[in-house]
Amino acid sequence: MTLFSEPENDDYPELCTRPFGKSLTLPEPFAHGLETSDFL
């Protein structure tokens, strides 16, 4: 799973990659963990 964030012009300079089943932390304004095991 890949989260692209901090959009800037035509790019997303920040990205975070985690394997499915691992928690992925969402940036502000959400700022909580997204449990990716629910997607399996």
Protein backbone atom coordinates (compact mmCIF):
# COMPACT_ATOMS: atom_id res chain seq x y z
CA MET A 1 0.00 0.00 0.00
CA THR A 2 1.38 3.44 -0.92
CA LEU A 3 0.16 6.75 0.43
CA PHE A 4 1.06 9.85 -1.58
CA SER A 5 0.75 13.11 0.37
CA GLU A 6 1.72 16.78 0.57
CA PRO A 7 0.58 17.67 -2.98
CA GLU A 8 2.72 20.35 -4.51
CA ASN A 9 2.18 21.59 -8.08
CA ASP A 10 1.88 18.41 -10.18
CA ASP A 11 3.74 16.18 -7.73
CA TYR A 12 3.37 14.38 -4.40
CA PRO A 13 6.80 14.68 -2.77
CA GLU A 14 5.91 12.59 0.29
CA LEU A 15 5.15 8.90 0.05
CA CYS A 16 4.91 6.11 2.56
CA THR A 17 4.83 2.44 1.55
CA ARG A 18 3.76 -0.44 3.80
CA PRO A 19 2.91 -4.06 3.01
CA PHE A 20 -0.76 -5.03 3.21
CA GLY A 21 -1.60 -6.08 6.74
CA LYS A 22 0.54 -3.37 8.34
CA SER A 23 -0.77 -0.11 9.75
CA LEU A 24 -0.28 3.04 7.68
CA THR A 25 -0.33 6.38 9.51
CA LEU A 26 -2.35 9.05 7.74
CA PRO A 27 -1.09 12.66 7.87
CA GLU A 28 -2.99 15.65 9.24
CA PRO A 29 -5.88 16.45 9.25
CA PHE A 30 -6.66 12.72 9.76
CA ALA A 31 -3.58 11.74 11.81
CA HIS A 32 -4.49 8.19 12.73
CA GLY A 33 -3.47 4.70 11.77
CA LEU A 34 -5.22 2.97 8.89
CA GLU A 35 -5.31 -0.78 9.41
CA THR A 36 -4.59 -2.27 5.99
CA SER A 37 -5.39 -5.85 6.99
CA ASP A 38 -9.05 -4.88 6.46
CA PHE A 39 -8.26 -4.61 2.73
CA LEU A 40 -7.14 -8.23 2.35
